[in-house]
Protein backbone atom coordinates (compact mmCIF):
# COMPACT_ATOMS: atom_id res chain seq x y z
CA ARG A 1 144.84 15.23 6.15
CA LEU A 2 145.37 17.32 9.29
CA TYR A 3 145.39 20.52 7.24
CA MET A 4 141.69 20.22 6.46
CA SER A 5 139.01 21.38 8.87
CA TYR A 6 136.41 19.38 6.95
CA ASN A 7 136.85 15.62 7.18
CA PHE A 8 136.35 14.47 3.59
CA ASP A 9 135.35 10.82 3.17
CA PHE A 10 137.83 9.32 0.68
CA SER A 11 136.27 5.88 1.08
CA ASN A 12 133.07 6.91 -0.75
CA THR A 13 133.45 7.44 -4.51
CA GLY A 14 129.72 7.39 -5.19
CA GLU A 15 127.52 10.33 -6.13
CA ARG A 16 126.71 12.42 -3.06
CA LYS A 17 123.13 12.56 -1.83
CA GLY A 18 122.96 16.33 -2.15
CA TYR A 19 124.02 16.40 -5.82
CA SER A 20 120.55 16.03 -7.35
CA LEU A 21 119.09 18.52 -4.87
CA LEU A 22 121.74 21.16 -5.53
CA ARG A 23 121.69 20.77 -9.31
CA PRO A 24 118.68 23.10 -9.86
CA VAL A 25 120.39 25.67 -7.64
CA ALA A 26 123.58 25.39 -9.68
CA ASN A 27 121.63 25.70 -12.92
CA PHE A 28 119.91 28.85 -11.68
CA LEU A 29 123.22 30.31 -10.45
CA ILE A 30 124.97 29.82 -13.80
CA LYS A 31 122.04 31.17 -15.85
CA THR A 32 121.85 34.21 -13.58
CA LYS A 33 125.56 35.00 -13.67
CA TYR A 34 126.47 34.23 -17.30
CA LYS A 35 125.04 33.77 -20.78
CA VAL A 36 126.44 30.32 -21.53
CA THR A 37 126.41 28.61 -24.92
CA TYR A 38 127.28 24.91 -25.07
CA GLU A 39 128.67 23.32 -28.23
CA GLY A 40 129.75 19.79 -29.09
CA LEU A 41 127.70 17.99 -26.44
CA ASP A 42 127.16 15.18 -28.94
CA ASN A 43 130.88 14.41 -28.60
CA LEU A 44 130.36 13.13 -25.06
CA PRO A 45 130.60 9.33 -24.84
CA GLU A 46 127.63 7.34 -23.61
CA GLY A 47 127.92 6.31 -20.00
CA GLY A 48 131.04 7.17 -18.01
CA GLY A 49 134.53 5.93 -17.26
CA TYR A 50 136.37 8.87 -18.82
CA ILE A 51 138.02 12.19 -17.97
CA VAL A 52 136.83 15.66 -18.92
CA ALA A 53 139.81 18.04 -19.14
CA ALA A 54 139.23 21.80 -19.48
CA ASN A 55 141.01 25.12 -19.27
CA HIS A 56 140.33 27.04 -16.07
CA ILE A 57 139.09 30.64 -15.90
CA THR A 58 136.63 30.93 -12.98
CA ALA A 59 135.87 29.25 -9.66
CA LEU A 60 132.52 28.18 -11.15
CA ASP A 61 134.05 26.27 -14.08
CA PRO A 62 133.22 22.79 -12.67
CA VAL A 63 129.59 23.81 -12.15
CA ILE A 64 129.40 25.44 -15.60
CA ILE A 65 130.62 22.24 -17.26
CA ALA A 66 128.48 19.89 -15.18
CA VAL A 67 125.30 21.90 -15.83
CA GLY A 68 125.89 21.71 -19.57
CA MET A 69 126.69 17.99 -19.58
CA GLY A 70 123.55 17.06 -17.72
CA LYS A 71 125.46 14.16 -16.15
CA PRO A 72 126.95 13.77 -12.66
CA MET A 73 130.64 14.64 -12.68
CA HIS A 74 133.25 14.39 -9.94
CA PHE A 75 136.04 16.94 -9.94
CA MET A 76 139.23 17.87 -8.14
CA ALA A 77 139.19 21.08 -6.10
CA LYS A 78 142.01 22.78 -4.22
CA ASN A 79 142.15 21.74 -0.59
CA GLU A 80 141.81 25.34 0.60
CA LEU A 81 138.12 25.15 -0.30
CA PHE A 82 137.67 22.44 2.33
CA GLN A 83 139.23 24.28 5.25
CA ASN A 84 135.84 25.72 6.20
CA LYS A 85 133.46 23.01 7.42
CA LEU A 86 130.35 24.46 5.80
CA MET A 87 132.06 25.06 2.45
CA GLY A 88 133.72 21.66 2.65
CA TRP A 89 130.36 20.00 3.10
CA PHE A 90 128.90 21.98 0.18
CA PHE A 91 131.71 21.06 -2.20
CA GLU A 92 131.51 17.41 -1.25
CA GLN A 93 127.77 17.44 -1.98
CA ILE A 94 128.45 18.62 -5.55
CA ASN A 95 130.91 15.74 -6.02
CA ALA A 96 134.11 17.74 -5.49
CA PHE A 97 137.06 16.27 -3.64
CA PRO A 98 140.17 18.00 -2.26
CA VAL A 99 143.66 17.80 -3.69
CA ASP A 100 146.87 19.20 -2.22
CA ARG A 101 148.51 20.96 -5.15
CA SER A 102 151.82 21.38 -3.33
CA ARG A 103 152.72 17.68 -3.49
CA PHE A 104 151.85 14.33 -5.05
CA ASP A 105 148.57 13.79 -3.25
CA GLU A 106 148.20 10.01 -3.17
CA ASP A 107 144.76 10.08 -1.52
CA ALA A 108 143.32 12.37 -4.18
CA ILE A 109 144.97 10.49 -7.06
CA ASN A 110 143.72 7.11 -5.84
CA TYR A 111 140.25 8.55 -5.32
CA ALA A 112 140.25 9.96 -8.88
CA VAL A 113 141.38 6.62 -10.31
CA ASP A 114 138.60 4.79 -8.47
CA ILE A 115 136.01 7.23 -9.84
CA VAL A 116 136.96 6.51 -13.44
CA LYS A 117 137.40 2.76 -12.96
CA LYS A 118 133.91 2.54 -11.47
CA GLY A 119 132.44 4.11 -14.60
CA SER A 120 131.90 7.69 -13.45
CA ILE A 121 133.08 10.95 -15.05
CA LEU A 122 136.08 12.80 -13.64
CA GLY A 123 136.64 16.50 -14.29
CA ILE A 124 140.16 17.94 -14.13
CA PHE A 125 141.75 21.27 -14.99
CA PRO A 126 145.24 20.31 -16.24
CA GLU A 127 146.62 23.81 -15.65
CA GLY A 128 146.16 23.28 -11.92
CA THR A 129 144.93 26.81 -11.27
CA ARG A 130 142.91 29.56 -12.92
CA SER A 131 144.52 31.43 -15.80
CA PRO A 132 145.16 35.08 -14.84
CA ASP A 133 144.51 36.32 -18.39
CA PHE A 134 141.78 33.77 -19.25
CA THR A 135 143.85 32.03 -21.94
CA PRO A 136 144.92 28.35 -21.82
CA LYS A 137 148.31 27.76 -20.18
CA LYS A 138 150.71 24.83 -19.89
CA GLY A 139 149.23 21.73 -18.31
CA LYS A 140 150.54 19.56 -15.50
CA GLY A 141 150.92 15.78 -15.59
CA GLY A 142 148.25 14.77 -13.06
CA VAL A 143 145.50 14.26 -15.63
CA CYS A 144 147.72 11.96 -17.70
CA TYR A 145 148.92 10.02 -14.68
CA ILE A 146 145.29 9.14 -13.96
CA ALA A 147 144.42 8.49 -17.63
CA LYS A 148 147.38 6.14 -17.95
CA ILE A 149 146.45 4.09 -14.92
CA CYS A 150 142.77 3.93 -15.89
CA LYS A 151 143.44 3.34 -19.61
CA CYS A 152 140.63 5.78 -20.34
CA ASP A 153 139.80 8.41 -22.96
CA VAL A 154 139.96 12.15 -22.31
CA VAL A 155 137.36 14.65 -23.54
CA PRO A 156 138.90 18.11 -24.12
CA VAL A 157 136.75 21.10 -23.20
CA SER A 158 137.33 24.81 -23.67
CA ILE A 159 135.71 27.67 -21.79
CA TYR A 160 135.97 30.91 -23.73
CA THR A 161 135.30 34.47 -22.59
CA CYS A 162 135.99 37.70 -24.46
CA ASP A 163 135.25 39.90 -21.45
CA ASN A 164 137.22 38.32 -18.59
CA ALA A 165 134.20 36.28 -17.45
CA LYS A 166 132.52 39.27 -15.86
CA THR A 167 129.00 38.82 -14.53
CA GLY A 168 126.43 39.01 -17.31
CA THR A 169 128.87 38.31 -20.14
CA ARG A 170 128.86 35.48 -22.63
CA LEU A 171 130.74 32.24 -22.17
CA THR A 172 131.14 29.53 -24.79
CA VAL A 173 131.78 26.00 -23.52
CA ARG A 174 132.94 23.72 -26.33
CA PHE A 175 133.27 19.93 -26.00
CA GLY A 176 135.69 18.26 -28.38
CA LYS A 177 135.90 14.72 -29.65
CA PRO A 178 137.36 12.27 -27.13
CA ILE A 179 141.09 11.75 -27.25
CA LYS A 180 141.40 7.99 -27.37
CA HIS A 181 143.70 6.35 -24.88
CA GLU A 182 145.87 5.07 -27.73
CA GLU A 183 146.41 8.62 -29.02
CA LEU A 184 148.11 9.59 -25.76
CA LYS A 185 150.93 7.16 -26.64
CA PHE A 186 151.70 6.04 -23.11
CA ASP A 187 154.60 3.67 -22.57
CA PRO A 188 153.04 0.81 -20.55
CA GLU A 189 156.43 -0.07 -19.09
CA SER A 190 157.26 3.38 -17.75
CA MET A 191 155.88 6.24 -15.67
CA ARG A 192 158.58 8.68 -16.74
CA MET A 193 157.64 12.35 -16.81
CA LYS A 194 158.73 12.46 -20.47
CA ASP A 195 155.95 9.98 -21.24
CA LEU A 196 153.37 12.07 -19.40
CA ARG A 197 154.60 15.35 -20.94
CA TYR A 198 153.67 14.29 -24.46
CA ALA A 199 150.14 13.30 -23.46
CA THR A 200 149.67 16.46 -21.35
CA GLY A 201 150.83 18.59 -24.27
CA LEU A 202 148.40 16.84 -26.63
CA ILE A 203 145.46 17.39 -24.29
CA MET A 204 146.25 21.09 -23.86
CA GLU A 205 146.76 21.42 -27.61
CA ARG A 206 143.25 20.07 -28.25
CA ILE A 207 141.78 22.34 -25.56
CA THR A 208 143.55 25.35 -27.06
CA GLU A 209 142.29 24.48 -30.55
CA LEU A 210 138.72 24.47 -29.25
CA TRP A 211 139.32 27.69 -27.33
CA GLY A 212 140.71 29.33 -30.48
CA LYS A 213 137.29 29.09 -32.13
CA GLY A 214 136.09 31.80 -29.75
CA HIS A 215 132.34 32.27 -29.68
CA GLY A 216 132.01 30.79 -33.14
CA ASN A 217 128.99 32.06 -35.00
């Protein structure tokens, strides 16, 4: 982890002390910047131990989702955000942890697995990066690798904008019904990419279906 200026503590998978203090700030920030409508919150399982998978359109997506859920959520963030010590500290306090997108980041994957196994909620953006045209793109296998190891369900979430997520515009965040672990059809005897591709495709398909509903009524 020599590439990071901020020394992230991968041994601590608990909720950070600053999370509850920063939550009101995050709530104010989101309400000031966007007009957000949340739908399908009743689809969220009780407790934790699952993954929330969403399409990715803005840097604030994790905060937007967490504010709507009203529950602590841990999420992966690109390691570049942790190269500044102050920003690294801030992101850690809101339960973010760094991942190196250029390789199979064993530290980040193991940390994510521990989060889910300990009964917390893990947020992931399967696309791996923000969509340049704000539409859902093809997903990567990381989310399914974690889901397979944890034997957990995945809640699909869509974030929809009709105006490129400009400040002051409307966003609709829609939570879908959990995709049960059995639906992902993992082969317990194999970690082949073919196995993960089906599950990744299914998750992105559900996200895209939710996204396709636009702003609804």
